[in-house]
């Protein structure tokens, strides 16, 4: 008669020990991935580094899965896309019959009728910003409060010492231009030199232009 041979309890326990260690590590990783907290990931690094000697003997059981876990915990951050600026260029015609104007935008140059203004960036204002006491760009241009208004300073060209007077400003020299670009239209505000330094002041002209 052949006697059946069963593994001893001691050998079974020794066989289950590495399996239990692997299951414990997998459960810990799944828990950390579920909560997705930076502090938890940092805690995982501390536990992983501190327990490395004790878990070294179970390394053969993890195999390639260890690399997958490490990549899940330490993913490479995505590279941010470069910002794409919409360059205002081309010729636009006034939609206001009372202000017949043809405007051309060519880099720093703004050609208004027969006058060429040389400009340089000043800042980006929000629609909610005040350009004169009690007046905001949003209210005057019928725009959103978070609309981005491009402000440009009018500067003398390379051959002049001062900005030339403009007929649009009642023969006063303009100081700045505000531009709101909305699809194929541009709202333009031209400002004279203001006496107050805290605001742009009342504009010489406000005109809505449409691309040709």
Protein backbone atom coordinates (compact mmCIF):
# COMPACT_ATOMS: atom_id res chain seq x y z
CA UNK A 1 0.00 0.00 0.00
CA UNK A 2 1.30 3.41 -0.96
CA UNK A 3 1.05 6.06 1.70
CA UNK A 4 -0.03 9.56 0.61
CA UNK A 5 2.53 12.28 1.19
CA UNK A 6 1.31 15.65 2.39
CA UNK A 7 3.46 18.77 2.81
CA UNK A 8 4.23 19.52 6.40
CA UNK A 9 2.76 22.61 8.03
CA UNK A 10 6.23 24.08 8.34
CA UNK A 11 6.94 23.85 4.61
CA UNK A 12 3.53 25.34 3.78
CA UNK A 13 4.18 28.27 6.06
CA UNK A 14 7.58 28.88 4.48
CA UNK A 15 5.96 28.80 1.02
CA UNK A 16 3.21 31.26 2.00
CA UNK A 17 5.53 33.84 3.56
CA UNK A 18 6.86 35.35 0.27
CA UNK A 19 3.37 35.25 -1.24
CA UNK A 20 1.95 37.17 1.70
CA UNK A 21 4.73 39.76 1.39
CA UNK A 22 3.97 40.27 -2.30
CA UNK A 23 0.24 40.63 -1.65
CA UNK A 24 0.91 43.18 1.10
CA UNK A 25 3.06 45.31 -1.22
CA UNK A 26 0.48 45.14 -4.03
CA UNK A 27 -2.35 46.15 -1.67
CA UNK A 28 -0.30 49.09 -0.40
CA UNK A 29 0.42 50.28 -3.94
CA UNK A 30 -3.23 50.02 -4.99
CA UNK A 31 -4.26 52.00 -1.91
CA UNK A 32 -1.79 54.79 -2.66
CA UNK A 33 -2.83 54.97 -6.30
CA UNK A 34 -6.49 55.21 -5.26
CA UNK A 35 -6.07 58.22 -2.99
CA UNK A 36 -3.62 59.97 -5.36
CA UNK A 37 -2.06 62.24 -2.78
CA UNK A 38 1.47 63.58 -2.94
CA UNK A 39 1.96 62.99 0.75
CA UNK A 40 0.97 59.37 0.31
CA UNK A 41 3.46 58.93 -2.50
CA UNK A 42 6.17 60.45 -0.35
CA UNK A 43 5.18 58.07 2.44
CA UNK A 44 5.43 55.18 0.00
CA UNK A 45 8.99 56.20 -0.85
CA UNK A 46 9.89 56.25 2.84
CA UNK A 47 8.33 52.84 3.44
CA UNK A 48 9.89 51.42 0.29
CA UNK A 49 13.37 52.70 1.12
CA UNK A 50 13.20 51.68 4.78
CA UNK A 51 11.82 48.22 4.08
CA UNK A 52 14.09 47.47 1.12
CA UNK A 53 16.41 45.10 3.06
CA UNK A 54 13.49 43.13 4.48
CA UNK A 55 11.80 42.82 1.09
CA UNK A 56 14.90 42.05 -0.90
CA UNK A 57 14.35 38.32 -0.59
CA UNK A 58 10.95 38.75 -2.27
CA UNK A 59 12.40 40.57 -5.27
CA UNK A 60 12.30 37.52 -7.50
CA UNK A 61 8.57 37.29 -6.98
CA UNK A 62 7.96 40.86 -8.15
CA UNK A 63 10.14 40.68 -11.27
CA UNK A 64 9.16 43.16 -13.95
CA UNK A 65 6.13 44.28 -11.93
CA UNK A 66 8.43 46.33 -9.70
CA UNK A 67 9.34 48.56 -12.65
CA UNK A 68 5.66 49.03 -13.54
CA UNK A 69 4.85 50.03 -9.94
CA UNK A 70 7.73 52.51 -9.80
CA UNK A 71 6.61 54.14 -13.06
CA UNK A 72 3.05 54.41 -11.74
CA UNK A 73 4.23 56.12 -8.54
CA UNK A 74 6.79 58.41 -10.23
CA UNK A 75 5.31 59.32 -13.62
CA UNK A 76 7.20 61.80 -15.75
CA UNK A 77 5.27 65.11 -15.63
CA UNK A 78 3.80 66.14 -18.98
CA UNK A 79 5.60 68.89 -20.81
CA UNK A 80 3.49 72.03 -20.98
CA UNK A 81 2.59 73.16 -24.46
CA UNK A 82 4.11 76.42 -25.63
CA UNK A 83 1.77 79.40 -25.57
CA UNK A 84 0.69 80.52 -29.03
CA UNK A 85 0.12 84.25 -29.37
CA UNK A 86 -2.36 85.45 -31.97
CA UNK A 87 -0.52 88.17 -33.85
CA UNK A 88 -2.75 91.08 -34.82
CA UNK A 89 -1.92 91.92 -38.41
CA UNK A 90 -3.68 93.03 -41.56
CA UNK A 91 -6.04 95.76 -42.69
CA UNK A 92 -9.31 96.56 -40.95
CA UNK A 93 -12.13 98.94 -41.88
CA UNK A 94 -14.33 100.88 -39.49
CA UNK A 95 -17.91 99.68 -39.00
CA UNK A 96 -18.94 103.13 -37.78
CA UNK A 97 -20.05 105.40 -40.60
CA UNK A 98 -19.36 108.44 -38.41
CA UNK A 99 -15.71 107.45 -38.07
CA UNK A 100 -14.58 106.32 -41.53
CA UNK A 101 -11.21 104.83 -40.83
CA UNK A 102 -8.91 102.25 -42.38
CA UNK A 103 -6.42 100.74 -39.94
CA UNK A 104 -3.47 98.52 -40.73
CA UNK A 105 -1.55 96.57 -38.12
CA UNK A 106 2.01 95.68 -39.01
CA UNK A 107 4.04 94.59 -36.01
CA UNK A 108 4.74 97.63 -33.84
CA UNK A 109 3.28 99.96 -36.45
CA UNK A 110 -0.39 100.97 -36.36
CA UNK A 111 -1.45 102.88 -39.45
CA UNK A 112 -4.60 104.91 -38.87
CA UNK A 113 -5.63 106.59 -42.10
CA UNK A 114 -2.66 108.64 -43.25
CA UNK A 115 -0.84 108.55 -39.89
CA UNK A 116 1.55 105.86 -38.75
CA UNK A 117 1.94 105.28 -35.03
CA UNK A 118 4.96 103.45 -33.66
CA UNK A 119 4.00 101.43 -30.60
CA UNK A 120 5.55 99.14 -28.03
CA UNK A 121 3.89 96.75 -25.56
CA UNK A 122 2.65 98.37 -22.37
CA UNK A 123 0.67 95.66 -20.57
CA UNK A 124 -2.36 93.39 -20.79
CA UNK A 125 -5.39 94.82 -19.01
CA UNK A 126 -8.54 93.01 -17.99
CA UNK A 127 -11.97 94.08 -19.12
CA UNK A 128 -12.80 94.97 -15.52
CA UNK A 129 -9.87 97.41 -15.31
CA UNK A 130 -10.64 101.11 -15.03
CA UNK A 131 -9.19 103.35 -17.76
CA UNK A 132 -10.89 106.54 -16.55
CA UNK A 133 -12.73 107.42 -13.32
CA UNK A 134 -15.85 105.26 -13.18
CA UNK A 135 -15.25 103.62 -16.58
CA UNK A 136 -14.06 100.11 -17.37
CA UNK A 137 -13.02 98.56 -20.65
CA UNK A 138 -15.77 95.94 -20.33
CA UNK A 139 -18.54 98.51 -20.00
CA UNK A 140 -17.26 100.77 -22.76
CA UNK A 141 -16.52 97.98 -25.24
CA UNK A 142 -19.40 95.68 -24.27
CA UNK A 143 -16.90 92.98 -23.34
CA UNK A 144 -16.46 90.38 -20.61
CA UNK A 145 -14.88 91.39 -17.33
CA UNK A 146 -12.07 88.89 -17.95
CA UNK A 147 -11.44 89.98 -21.55
CA UNK A 148 -7.79 90.66 -22.35
CA UNK A 149 -7.15 94.20 -23.54
CA UNK A 150 -3.80 94.80 -25.22
CA UNK A 151 -2.34 98.16 -24.23
CA UNK A 152 0.41 99.71 -26.34
CA UNK A 153 2.39 102.84 -25.70
CA UNK A 154 2.79 105.25 -28.61
CA UNK A 155 6.45 106.25 -28.96
CA UNK A 156 8.35 108.50 -31.35
CA UNK A 157 9.71 106.78 -34.43
CA UNK A 158 13.45 106.53 -35.00
CA UNK A 159 13.63 109.87 -36.81
CA UNK A 160 11.46 111.99 -34.50
CA UNK A 161 11.96 113.34 -31.01
CA UNK A 162 8.26 113.40 -30.08
CA UNK A 163 5.02 111.76 -31.10
CA UNK A 164 3.30 113.71 -33.83
CA UNK A 165 -0.14 115.21 -33.19
CA UNK A 166 -3.11 113.26 -34.48
CA UNK A 167 -6.28 114.55 -36.08
CA UNK A 168 -8.14 111.77 -34.26
CA UNK A 169 -7.11 113.38 -30.95
CA UNK A 170 -8.00 116.95 -31.95
CA UNK A 171 -4.38 117.59 -32.93
CA UNK A 172 -3.07 116.31 -29.61
CA UNK A 173 -0.32 113.72 -29.47
CA UNK A 174 -1.65 110.23 -28.68
CA UNK A 175 -0.04 108.39 -25.79
CA UNK A 176 -1.46 104.88 -25.93
CA UNK A 177 -3.67 102.46 -27.83
CA UNK A 178 -6.03 99.83 -26.39
CA UNK A 179 -6.94 96.87 -28.60
CA UNK A 180 -9.54 94.16 -28.07
CA UNK A 181 -9.29 91.47 -30.73
CA UNK A 182 -12.45 89.38 -31.15
CA UNK A 183 -12.31 86.96 -34.09
CA UNK A 184 -12.42 89.14 -37.22
CA UNK A 185 -13.11 92.43 -35.42
CA UNK A 186 -10.92 94.77 -33.38
CA UNK A 187 -12.08 97.44 -30.95
CA UNK A 188 -9.58 100.28 -30.90
CA UNK A 189 -9.31 103.03 -28.30
CA UNK A 190 -6.84 105.86 -28.84
CA UNK A 191 -5.83 107.91 -25.80
CA UNK A 192 -4.19 111.35 -25.59
CA UNK A 193 -1.60 112.11 -22.97
CA UNK A 194 -3.49 112.16 -19.69
CA UNK A 195 -2.86 114.60 -16.88
CA UNK A 196 -3.48 111.85 -14.33
CA UNK A 197 -0.87 109.14 -14.05
CA UNK A 198 -3.23 106.61 -12.44
CA UNK A 199 -5.46 106.15 -15.50
CA UNK A 200 -5.39 106.49 -19.25
CA UNK A 201 -8.10 109.13 -19.26
CA UNK A 202 -10.91 109.72 -21.71
CA UNK A 203 -10.12 108.27 -25.16
CA UNK A 204 -9.91 110.43 -28.26
CA UNK A 205 -11.80 107.88 -30.31
CA UNK A 206 -13.37 104.43 -29.93
CA UNK A 207 -13.95 102.53 -33.12
CA UNK A 208 -14.83 98.96 -34.07
CA UNK A 209 -12.89 97.64 -37.05
CA UNK A 210 -13.60 94.63 -39.22
CA UNK A 211 -10.99 92.66 -41.11
CA UNK A 212 -10.99 93.09 -44.85
